[in-house]
Protein backbone atom coordinates (compact mmCIF):
# COMPACT_ATOMS: atom_id res chain seq x y z
CA MET A 1 8.34 -25.64 60.65
CA LYS A 2 4.59 -24.80 61.00
CA ASP A 3 2.22 -26.22 58.14
CA PHE A 4 0.21 -22.76 57.83
CA TYR A 5 1.49 -19.67 57.80
CA ASP A 6 -0.55 -15.95 57.57
CA VAL A 7 1.95 -15.00 54.56
CA VAL A 8 4.45 -17.19 52.33
CA ILE A 9 6.86 -14.75 50.91
CA VAL A 10 9.13 -16.41 47.87
CA GLY A 11 12.36 -14.66 47.55
CA GLY A 12 14.38 -13.18 50.28
CA GLY A 13 15.69 -10.39 48.23
CA HIS A 14 15.66 -6.87 50.38
CA ASN A 15 11.97 -6.12 49.34
CA GLY A 16 10.88 -9.85 50.75
CA LEU A 17 12.71 -8.89 54.07
CA THR A 18 11.12 -5.51 54.27
CA ALA A 19 7.72 -7.11 53.94
CA ALA A 20 8.63 -9.50 56.38
CA ALA A 21 9.68 -7.41 59.10
CA TYR A 22 6.93 -5.45 58.65
CA LEU A 23 4.16 -8.39 58.58
CA ALA A 24 5.81 -9.90 61.66
CA GLN A 25 5.92 -6.46 63.67
CA ALA A 26 2.22 -6.86 63.13
CA GLY A 27 1.49 -10.31 64.78
CA LEU A 28 1.57 -11.99 61.61
CA SER A 29 3.12 -15.63 61.13
CA THR A 30 5.61 -15.06 58.35
CA LEU A 31 7.96 -17.51 56.12
CA VAL A 32 10.21 -16.16 53.77
CA LEU A 33 11.93 -18.99 51.11
CA GLU A 34 15.21 -17.77 49.35
CA GLN A 35 16.25 -20.11 46.34
CA GLN A 36 20.31 -19.15 46.94
CA ALA A 37 22.35 -20.09 50.34
CA HIS A 38 21.77 -16.51 51.55
CA THR A 39 19.36 -13.59 51.84
CA GLY A 40 19.27 -10.79 49.53
CA GLY A 41 19.32 -11.32 46.21
CA ALA A 42 20.96 -8.45 44.29
CA ALA A 43 21.67 -6.87 47.43
CA VAL A 44 24.69 -8.36 48.82
CA SER A 45 28.15 -8.08 49.70
CA GLN A 46 30.62 -10.46 48.39
CA GLN A 47 34.11 -11.56 48.47
CA VAL A 48 34.84 -12.02 44.29
CA PHE A 49 38.52 -12.51 44.10
CA PRO A 50 40.15 -15.46 45.20
CA GLY A 51 42.16 -14.85 48.41
CA ILE A 52 41.86 -10.88 48.24
CA ASP A 53 39.96 -9.68 51.53
CA ALA A 54 37.39 -7.20 49.88
CA ARG A 55 33.72 -7.40 50.18
CA LEU A 56 32.21 -5.63 47.20
CA SER A 57 28.42 -4.81 46.40
CA ARG A 58 28.51 -7.20 43.48
CA TYR A 59 25.21 -6.42 41.82
CA SER A 60 23.16 -3.21 43.12
CA TYR A 61 25.74 -0.58 44.71
CA LEU A 62 24.30 2.47 45.76
CA VAL A 63 20.73 3.62 47.76
CA SER A 64 18.93 6.40 47.28
CA LEU A 65 15.29 5.41 47.16
CA LEU A 66 15.13 3.54 50.20
CA PRO A 67 12.81 5.65 52.39
CA ASP A 68 14.41 7.16 56.00
CA LYS A 69 10.90 6.20 57.18
CA ILE A 70 11.13 2.55 56.50
CA VAL A 71 14.87 2.60 58.38
CA ALA A 72 12.98 4.33 61.30
CA ASP A 73 10.32 1.82 61.50
CA LEU A 74 11.92 -1.05 61.00
CA GLY A 75 14.84 0.08 63.61
CA LEU A 76 17.63 -0.92 60.80
CA ALA A 77 20.93 -0.66 62.28
CA LEU A 78 22.06 1.04 58.66
CA GLU A 79 24.63 3.68 57.69
CA LEU A 80 23.84 5.38 54.79
CA ARG A 81 26.62 7.99 53.88
CA SER A 82 26.89 11.26 51.42
CA ARG A 83 29.48 11.65 48.87
CA SER A 84 31.75 14.49 48.96
CA VAL A 85 31.32 14.69 44.75
CA ALA A 86 28.18 14.07 42.81
CA SER A 87 29.96 13.40 39.12
CA TYR A 88 33.47 14.05 37.48
CA THR A 89 32.97 13.37 33.83
CA PRO A 90 36.38 13.69 31.68
CA VAL A 91 36.69 15.60 28.66
CA ARG A 92 38.93 15.96 25.89
CA ARG A 93 37.87 19.07 24.05
CA ASP A 94 40.04 21.15 21.68
CA GLY A 95 43.36 19.48 22.52
CA ARG A 96 42.82 19.84 26.07
CA ASP A 97 41.90 17.54 28.77
CA LEU A 98 39.37 18.59 31.24
CA GLY A 99 37.08 17.28 33.90
CA LEU A 100 33.70 18.52 34.65
CA LEU A 101 32.97 18.52 38.47
CA VAL A 102 29.86 18.44 40.47
CA ASP A 103 30.29 19.03 43.87
CA ARG A 104 28.18 17.69 46.93
CA PRO A 105 26.98 20.30 47.58
CA GLU A 106 27.24 22.44 44.49
CA ASN A 107 29.92 25.45 45.42
CA ALA A 108 32.08 27.71 43.28
CA ALA A 109 34.46 25.14 42.51
CA THR A 110 31.15 23.37 40.46
CA ARG A 111 30.37 26.76 38.87
CA GLU A 112 34.11 27.02 37.66
CA SER A 113 34.31 23.77 36.24
CA PHE A 114 31.25 24.80 33.94
CA ARG A 115 32.51 28.40 32.88
CA ALA A 116 36.26 26.41 32.01
CA LEU A 117 34.07 23.70 29.86
CA THR A 118 31.72 25.87 28.26
CA GLY A 119 33.39 29.52 28.54
CA SER A 120 30.62 30.90 30.12
CA ASP A 121 28.10 30.87 33.14
CA ALA A 122 25.01 29.93 30.70
CA GLU A 123 24.92 25.98 31.30
CA TYR A 124 25.42 26.31 34.94
CA GLU A 125 22.48 28.45 35.24
CA ALA A 126 20.36 26.18 32.85
CA TRP A 127 22.04 23.70 35.14
CA THR A 128 20.49 24.84 38.65
CA SER A 129 17.48 25.43 37.15
CA PHE A 130 16.83 22.79 35.82
CA TYR A 131 17.77 20.54 38.94
CA GLY A 132 15.84 23.01 41.25
CA ALA A 133 12.38 22.49 38.98
CA VAL A 134 13.05 18.86 39.42
CA GLY A 135 13.62 18.93 43.07
CA SER A 136 10.51 20.54 43.68
CA LEU A 137 8.77 17.65 42.21
CA ALA A 138 10.78 14.98 43.99
CA GLU A 139 9.33 17.26 47.10
CA VAL A 140 5.90 16.59 45.91
CA ILE A 141 5.89 12.67 44.82
CA ALA A 142 8.59 11.21 47.57
CA PRO A 143 5.97 11.29 50.33
CA THR A 144 3.40 9.39 48.12
CA LEU A 145 5.85 6.21 47.73
CA LEU A 146 4.91 4.88 51.11
CA GLU A 147 1.16 5.61 50.69
CA PRO A 148 -2.07 4.14 48.99
CA LEU A 149 -1.71 5.20 44.88
CA VAL A 150 -2.95 8.70 43.99
CA THR A 151 -3.76 10.10 40.78
CA GLY A 152 -0.95 11.75 38.29
CA SER A 153 -4.00 14.15 37.60
CA SER A 154 -4.05 15.16 41.43
CA LEU A 155 0.25 15.18 41.37
CA LYS A 156 -0.12 17.14 38.81
CA ALA A 157 -2.49 20.11 40.20
CA ARG A 158 0.18 20.30 42.66
CA VAL A 159 3.53 21.09 40.74
CA ASP A 160 3.96 23.36 37.47
CA SER A 161 2.19 21.98 34.66
CA ALA A 162 4.82 23.18 32.40
CA LEU A 163 7.48 20.92 33.93
CA TRP A 164 4.84 18.19 34.65
CA GLU A 165 4.88 18.39 30.76
CA GLU A 166 8.08 18.36 29.92
CA LEU A 167 9.14 15.61 32.22
CA ILE A 168 6.26 13.44 32.52
CA GLU A 169 4.20 13.76 28.93
CA ARG A 170 6.84 14.40 26.05
CA PRO A 171 10.04 12.49 25.49
CA LEU A 172 12.88 14.18 27.86
CA GLY A 173 15.27 14.68 25.25
CA GLU A 174 13.30 17.55 24.09
CA ALA A 175 13.43 19.17 27.32
CA ILE A 176 17.08 18.26 27.79
CA GLU A 177 18.03 19.47 24.12
CA ARG A 178 15.82 22.88 25.11
CA ARG A 179 17.37 23.50 28.16
CA PHE A 180 20.73 22.90 27.44
CA ALA A 181 23.62 23.75 24.96
CA ASP A 182 26.59 21.60 25.50
CA ASP A 183 27.02 18.07 24.54
CA THR A 184 28.71 16.98 27.79
CA VAL A 185 26.20 18.71 29.79
CA ARG A 186 23.46 17.23 28.43
CA GLY A 187 25.13 13.77 28.53
CA VAL A 188 25.42 13.96 32.09
CA VAL A 189 21.50 14.92 32.57
CA ALA A 190 20.71 11.77 30.31
CA THR A 191 22.44 9.02 31.85
CA ASP A 192 20.14 9.22 34.95
CA ALA A 193 17.70 8.19 32.36
CA LEU A 194 19.06 4.98 31.14
CA ILE A 195 20.43 3.44 33.85
CA GLY A 196 18.90 -0.01 33.29
CA THR A 197 16.58 1.00 30.68
CA PHE A 198 17.19 0.84 26.95
CA ALA A 199 16.10 3.62 25.19
CA GLY A 200 16.51 6.55 22.98
CA MET A 201 16.02 9.92 24.76
CA HIS A 202 12.95 10.48 22.33
CA ASP A 203 11.44 7.46 22.66
CA GLU A 204 7.87 7.68 22.72
CA SER A 205 6.88 5.16 25.28
CA LEU A 206 8.51 7.53 28.14
CA ILE A 207 10.38 4.74 29.84
CA GLN A 208 13.61 6.74 29.85
CA ASN A 209 11.71 9.58 31.32
CA ARG A 210 10.17 7.18 34.18
CA CYS A 211 13.82 6.07 34.86
CA PHE A 212 15.20 9.25 34.91
CA LEU A 213 12.32 10.17 37.53
CA TYR A 214 13.15 7.57 40.09
CA HIS A 215 16.88 8.31 39.91
CA LEU A 216 15.61 11.74 41.18
CA ILE A 217 12.98 11.24 43.89
CA GLY A 218 14.31 9.23 46.44
CA ASN A 219 13.61 11.00 49.75
CA GLY A 220 12.81 13.94 48.00
CA THR A 221 16.22 14.64 47.32
CA GLY A 222 17.53 11.96 44.90
CA GLU A 223 20.90 11.84 46.83
CA TRP A 224 22.29 8.56 45.80
CA ARG A 225 23.97 7.32 48.98
CA VAL A 226 27.07 4.59 50.14
CA PRO A 227 25.64 2.07 52.31
CA VAL A 228 28.38 1.85 55.07
CA GLY A 229 29.68 -1.97 54.68
CA GLY A 230 28.35 -2.40 51.10
CA MET A 231 24.87 -3.46 49.79
CA GLY A 232 25.24 -6.43 52.29
CA ALA A 233 24.91 -4.63 55.04
CA VAL A 234 21.20 -3.13 54.10
CA THR A 235 20.02 -7.37 53.74
CA ASP A 236 22.09 -8.36 56.89
CA ALA A 237 19.85 -5.28 58.76
CA LEU A 238 16.66 -5.78 56.65
CA ALA A 239 16.86 -9.42 58.01
CA HIS A 240 17.92 -9.17 61.49
CA ALA A 241 14.76 -6.75 61.53
CA ALA A 242 12.70 -9.82 60.15
CA ARG A 243 14.15 -12.25 62.35
CA LEU A 244 14.00 -10.38 65.29
CA ALA A 245 10.30 -9.58 64.55
CA GLY A 246 9.46 -13.43 64.47
CA ALA A 247 9.71 -13.96 60.81
CA SER A 248 11.36 -17.33 59.95
CA LEU A 249 13.85 -17.21 56.81
CA VAL A 250 14.59 -20.53 55.21
CA THR A 251 17.44 -20.35 52.30
CA ASN A 252 18.13 -23.21 49.77
CA ALA A 253 14.31 -23.14 48.84
CA SER A 254 14.25 -23.02 45.30
CA VAL A 255 10.06 -22.34 45.02
CA ALA A 256 8.46 -24.53 42.46
CA SER A 257 5.12 -23.76 42.35
CA VAL A 258 2.73 -21.16 43.70
CA GLU A 259 -1.74 -21.54 44.33
CA ALA A 260 -3.91 -19.02 45.20
CA ASP A 261 -7.74 -18.71 44.67
CA GLY A 262 -8.06 -15.66 46.19
CA VAL A 263 -8.91 -16.91 49.56
CA SER A 264 -6.58 -19.58 50.71
CA ALA A 265 -3.03 -20.24 49.21
CA SER A 266 0.11 -22.91 49.25
CA VAL A 267 3.65 -22.84 48.20
CA THR A 268 5.51 -25.65 47.08
CA TRP A 269 9.45 -25.71 46.99
CA MET A 270 12.39 -28.15 47.07
CA GLY A 271 14.74 -28.02 49.76
CA GLY A 272 17.33 -30.12 51.28
CA ASP A 273 15.19 -32.49 52.42
CA GLY A 274 12.87 -33.07 49.12
CA GLU A 275 9.47 -31.02 48.16
CA ARG A 276 7.93 -29.57 50.69
CA SER A 277 4.59 -27.62 50.70
CA VAL A 278 3.15 -25.10 53.27
CA ASP A 279 -0.46 -22.98 52.87
CA CYS A 280 -1.06 -19.37 53.87
CA SER A 281 -3.28 -16.92 53.62
CA TYR A 282 -1.02 -14.75 51.47
CA VAL A 283 1.69 -15.01 49.14
CA LEU A 284 4.08 -12.41 48.30
CA ALA A 285 5.90 -12.86 45.36
CA ASN A 286 9.59 -10.93 45.52
CA VAL A 287 10.49 -12.04 41.98
CA ALA A 288 10.08 -10.55 38.32
CA PRO A 289 6.22 -10.88 37.33
CA ALA A 290 7.06 -13.19 34.66
CA THR A 291 8.96 -15.50 37.44
CA LEU A 292 5.88 -15.43 39.20
CA ASP A 293 3.75 -16.13 35.77
CA ALA A 294 6.13 -19.52 35.13
CA LEU A 295 5.35 -20.79 39.31
CA ARG A 296 1.62 -20.44 38.54
CA GLY A 297 1.78 -22.45 35.30
CA ARG A 298 1.03 -19.64 32.89
CA VAL A 299 3.86 -19.83 30.03
CA GLY A 300 4.15 -17.50 26.98
CA GLY A 301 4.75 -13.99 28.81
CA GLN A 302 7.46 -12.05 27.01
CA LYS A 303 10.67 -11.94 29.01
CA PRO A 304 11.88 -8.30 29.88
CA GLU A 305 15.38 -7.62 28.08
CA GLY A 306 17.86 -6.09 30.43
CA SER A 307 20.58 -3.80 29.30
CA GLN A 308 23.76 -3.30 31.13
CA LEU A 309 27.20 -4.31 31.84
CA LYS A 310 28.44 -4.48 35.10
CA VAL A 311 32.33 -4.72 35.90
CA ASN A 312 33.64 -5.17 39.43
CA LEU A 313 37.53 -4.06 39.76
CA LEU A 314 40.02 -4.08 42.83
CA LEU A 315 42.93 -1.64 41.83
CA SER A 316 46.13 -2.05 44.07
CA ARG A 317 46.12 2.20 43.66
CA LEU A 318 43.85 4.58 41.67
CA PRO A 319 45.08 5.62 38.59
CA ARG A 320 46.23 9.16 37.61
CA LEU A 321 44.19 11.30 34.93
CA LYS A 322 45.06 12.89 32.00
CA SER A 323 43.21 16.33 33.37
CA GLY A 324 45.74 16.23 36.06
CA ASP A 325 42.75 16.31 38.64
CA ASP A 326 43.13 14.53 41.92
CA PRO A 327 41.83 10.99 41.46
CA ALA A 328 40.62 10.65 44.64
CA HIS A 329 38.13 13.68 44.25
CA ALA A 330 37.50 12.48 40.23
CA PHE A 331 36.60 8.74 41.23
CA ALA A 332 34.35 10.00 44.84
CA GLY A 333 31.08 10.59 42.84
CA THR A 334 29.99 9.23 39.79
CA PHE A 335 32.52 9.20 36.99
CA HIS A 336 30.83 9.01 33.68
CA ILE A 337 33.03 7.62 30.46
CA ASP A 338 32.32 8.87 26.94
CA GLU A 339 28.31 9.58 28.01
CA ASP A 340 28.43 12.64 25.89
CA TYR A 341 24.65 12.76 24.53
CA SER A 342 25.50 12.61 21.00
CA GLN A 343 27.26 9.15 22.48
CA LEU A 344 24.49 7.82 24.28
CA GLU A 345 22.32 8.44 21.43
CA SER A 346 24.86 6.48 19.05
CA ALA A 347 25.48 3.84 21.24
CA TYR A 348 21.83 3.04 21.68
CA VAL A 349 21.32 3.32 17.83
CA SER A 350 24.10 0.65 17.58
CA ALA A 351 23.11 -1.28 20.21
CA ALA A 352 19.07 -1.23 18.85
CA ASP A 353 20.57 -2.47 15.81
CA GLY A 354 22.09 -6.00 17.46
CA VAL A 355 25.63 -4.31 16.99
CA LEU A 356 27.94 -3.69 20.13
CA PRO A 357 28.77 0.24 20.69
CA ALA A 358 32.23 1.13 19.35
CA VAL A 359 32.22 3.54 21.97
CA PRO A 360 30.24 2.01 24.90
CA PRO A 361 28.79 4.47 27.46
CA SER A 362 29.36 3.40 31.19
CA GLU A 363 30.06 4.95 34.54
CA VAL A 364 32.30 4.02 37.30
CA TYR A 365 32.01 4.42 41.16
CA CYS A 366 34.63 4.05 43.83
CA HIS A 367 32.58 2.57 47.17
CA SER A 368 35.99 2.29 49.35
CA LEU A 369 36.33 5.93 49.17
CA THR A 370 33.32 7.24 50.92
CA ASP A 371 33.51 3.71 52.58
CA PRO A 372 37.18 1.70 53.18
CA SER A 373 35.29 -0.83 55.70
CA ILE A 374 34.64 -3.05 52.76
CA LEU A 375 38.25 -3.65 52.67
CA SER A 376 40.74 -4.95 54.91
CA PRO A 377 43.02 -3.07 57.27
CA SER A 378 45.68 -3.95 55.03
CA LEU A 379 44.27 -3.31 51.80
CA VAL A 380 43.32 0.18 52.49
CA ALA A 381 47.07 0.94 54.26
CA SER A 382 48.22 -0.16 51.12
CA GLY A 383 45.91 2.35 48.64
CA TYR A 384 43.56 -0.38 47.25
CA HIS A 385 40.39 0.57 46.22
CA THR A 386 37.35 -0.71 44.44
CA LEU A 387 35.49 0.30 41.15
CA THR A 388 32.28 -0.52 40.12
CA ILE A 389 31.79 0.28 36.13
CA PHE A 390 27.92 0.11 35.02
CA GLY A 391 27.79 -0.09 31.34
CA VAL A 392 24.58 1.46 29.83
CA HIS A 393 23.08 0.23 26.25
CA PHE A 394 24.25 -3.09 26.79
CA PRO A 395 20.71 -4.72 25.92
CA ALA A 396 20.66 -9.03 26.23
CA ARG A 397 20.57 -9.39 22.54
CA LEU A 398 23.84 -8.45 22.24
CA PHE A 399 25.21 -11.41 24.13
CA ALA A 400 22.69 -13.89 22.56
CA ASP A 401 25.00 -15.90 20.36
CA ASP A 402 27.94 -15.81 22.51
CA ASN A 403 27.95 -14.59 25.68
CA GLU A 404 31.41 -15.00 27.14
CA ALA A 405 32.53 -13.68 23.93
CA ALA A 406 30.85 -10.95 23.96
CA ARG A 407 31.35 -10.92 27.60
CA ALA A 408 34.94 -10.27 26.42
CA GLU A 409 34.78 -7.80 23.73
CA SER A 410 32.52 -5.29 25.77
CA VAL A 411 34.44 -5.67 28.56
CA ARG A 412 37.53 -4.52 26.47
CA ARG A 413 35.95 -1.51 25.03
CA VAL A 414 34.78 -0.48 28.27
CA LEU A 415 38.22 -0.80 29.59
CA ALA A 416 39.60 0.80 27.23
CA GLY A 417 37.31 3.80 27.32
CA LEU A 418 37.96 4.14 30.77
CA GLU A 419 41.89 4.01 29.96
CA SER A 420 41.68 6.59 27.36
CA TYR A 421 41.54 9.47 30.05
CA LEU A 422 44.39 7.87 32.27
CA ALA A 423 47.66 9.32 32.36
CA GLU A 424 48.83 5.57 32.69
CA PRO A 425 47.78 1.97 31.98
CA LEU A 426 44.78 0.42 33.77
CA ALA A 427 46.60 -2.81 33.91
CA ASP A 428 49.21 -1.48 36.41
CA CYS A 429 47.00 -0.32 38.38
CA ILE A 430 44.63 -3.59 38.35
CA ALA A 431 45.54 -5.95 41.47
CA ARG A 432 45.84 -9.40 41.25
CA ASP A 433 44.33 -12.50 43.01
CA ALA A 434 46.24 -14.95 44.99
CA ASP A 435 45.96 -16.89 41.72
CA GLY A 436 48.06 -14.18 39.83
CA ASN A 437 44.93 -13.46 37.79
CA LEU A 438 43.61 -9.65 37.24
CA CYS A 439 40.69 -8.71 39.84
CA VAL A 440 38.26 -8.06 37.63
CA GLU A 441 34.91 -9.75 36.99
CA ALA A 442 31.96 -8.78 34.59
CA LYS A 443 27.99 -9.89 34.47
CA THR A 444 25.72 -9.36 31.38
CA PRO A 445 22.31 -9.94 31.22
CA TYR A 446 22.29 -13.28 30.68
CA ASP A 447 25.00 -13.63 33.82
CA ILE A 448 22.64 -11.65 35.91
CA GLU A 449 19.74 -13.68 35.22
CA ALA A 450 21.98 -17.18 36.01
CA SER A 451 23.15 -15.96 39.23
CA VAL A 452 20.34 -13.87 40.60
CA GLY A 453 17.18 -14.79 38.76
CA MET A 454 16.72 -11.59 37.17
CA PRO A 455 14.63 -12.42 33.66
CA GLY A 456 16.24 -11.49 30.91
CA GLY A 457 19.01 -9.81 33.34
CA HIS A 458 16.49 -6.78 34.08
CA ILE A 459 17.67 -5.05 37.35
CA PHE A 460 14.21 -3.39 37.43
CA HIS A 461 12.41 -6.81 36.79
CA GLY A 462 10.81 -5.05 33.73
CA ASP A 463 9.99 -1.44 32.53
CA LEU A 464 9.58 0.84 35.16
CA GLN A 465 6.15 2.33 35.46
CA TRP A 466 5.04 5.69 36.82
CA PRO A 467 5.10 5.71 40.45
CA TRP A 468 1.18 6.97 40.60
CA ALA A 469 -2.12 5.69 39.48
CA THR A 470 -2.85 6.31 36.00
CA ASP A 471 -6.79 6.11 36.32
CA ASP A 472 -9.16 7.00 39.18
CA ALA A 473 -9.40 2.92 39.63
CA GLY A 474 -6.04 2.37 40.94
CA ALA A 475 -6.42 5.22 42.83
CA GLY A 476 -5.96 4.01 46.49
CA ARG A 477 -4.86 1.02 45.85
CA TRP A 478 -0.86 0.20 46.74
CA GLY A 479 0.19 -1.06 43.14
CA THR A 480 1.09 -4.39 44.38
CA GLU A 481 -2.28 -6.39 43.35
CA THR A 482 -2.60 -9.16 40.93
CA ASP A 483 -5.76 -10.92 39.54
CA VAL A 484 -6.31 -12.78 42.60
CA ALA A 485 -6.67 -10.65 45.94
CA ASN A 486 -4.34 -12.57 48.24
CA LEU A 487 -1.31 -12.81 45.65
CA LEU A 488 0.87 -9.72 45.54
CA ILE A 489 3.89 -8.37 43.73
CA CYS A 490 6.14 -7.42 46.62
CA GLY A 491 9.62 -6.81 44.72
CA SER A 492 10.89 -3.99 41.78
CA GLY A 493 7.97 -5.72 39.51
CA ALA A 494 5.65 -3.91 41.58
CA ARG A 495 4.44 -0.05 40.78
CA ARG A 496 6.85 1.95 42.54
CA GLY A 497 9.83 -0.83 42.68
CA GLY A 498 12.80 -0.70 41.08
CA ALA A 499 16.50 -0.06 42.74
CA VAL A 500 17.50 -0.92 46.35
CA SER A 501 14.21 0.81 48.01
CA GLY A 502 12.43 -1.24 50.00
CA LEU A 503 9.31 0.12 48.77
CA GLY A 504 7.63 -3.24 46.94
CA GLY A 505 8.03 -4.85 50.43
CA HIS A 506 6.25 -2.10 52.37
CA ASN A 507 3.77 -1.56 50.02
CA ALA A 508 2.95 -5.00 49.69
CA ALA A 509 3.11 -5.79 53.76
CA MET A 510 0.45 -2.33 53.37
CA THR A 511 -1.87 -4.05 51.35
CA ILE A 512 -2.52 -6.91 53.66
CA LEU A 513 -2.75 -4.89 56.82
CA THR A 514 -4.84 -2.40 55.76
CA ALA A 515 -7.13 -4.81 54.33
CA GLN A 516 -7.29 -6.66 58.08
CA SER A 517 -7.84 -3.65 60.06
């Protein structure tokens, strides 16, 4: 290992690897330091259950915001596969068990599903009108994510002003309530504003609007795709590209401090051979801003609060549904559980008061229906499947007193919510590991902080920001800058961060490369 590098990257998650690949391709000597035994951060595939040959996307699980341009630029050997179903929502109404289906692409079956639920075509027409408008906004914003920041006012001038006002300037709940009448349809729309974000739909901070926007602008389409081979395949492709370009990747390296003065910098870490330090021209922080503050010796900042429950399951077979719909079709997309608009708002009020929601909203995703390669051939032949449950409105405060007990009760309630729509006991379908235990794993915000180092368990490293400059002073910058010129944020905490996107890594690399050109 050299004594000096052009760039040292703290954190070997997907954004750090993205930055490393771009910088090394440009000829800069680049060192990546990762505290865990493997790169990837939250974008990993792991064998979760003892004796079971299934590699689950343990934390993050779908890809939308990763631009096709990054995949092409870095020559990533990566397949992102479309799901045949966008979403399915089981509904119990007037003594009937129904299912609201949104196919991909939408077709006559989708229209009929809306009609069966609501009794007319009005909600489906409102749906297509709304998402058509959102699509026009995405087409304008998406190309700017890999460019220097433009102002919000310049973007507003390029889109319908009324649409901009309702999605960007006013609480999203107003638009949803004005455009849609059905409680279930409203809820399906609202969920994209709440993944990893703890807010009511009328929150004046508009953090729900920002989350909604990010969920719907990826590559101009907003489609969430399945990484073939699991999230670890994304990391592996990026790590390969970084190494191929000449970057050095060091694992089991726990960074202890970062120093930067605008001209020179140094990073100190603990490794297997003790404490080491290296000097460099730039430091890129692929850690949360709160973590970077600690590494710089700055204390007293407020830790972000994550708000989700992640439950991984392995099933010996998909369960039958009370609606009678084919589970292989229903679980092929995002399966919404108790996410009516009123249920979402009620759960938020309870959680904000520090009370675990009695009926917690959540959604389910089955990776193996789209990509069975994460399972061994024998498991595939036997009909096994993975399920990932993402519970919303589970802020860290609910787990502060007794994480273990609150986790167990949260899992019980979430699984009970799923089972209420099933025609058979869920436990009959859950596989058992080599020790005879049910294949169920749960992660609270505290668990996520402990395992992958995200402060407060916040999956976005903090509240998402608008993906543009909010004033003229920020225009032309890359949204990765800190108070020191040679210290940059390259992770989810950068402007235009969040989710598995590579945006923070790309934009931090461009901050350096454009400054040197």
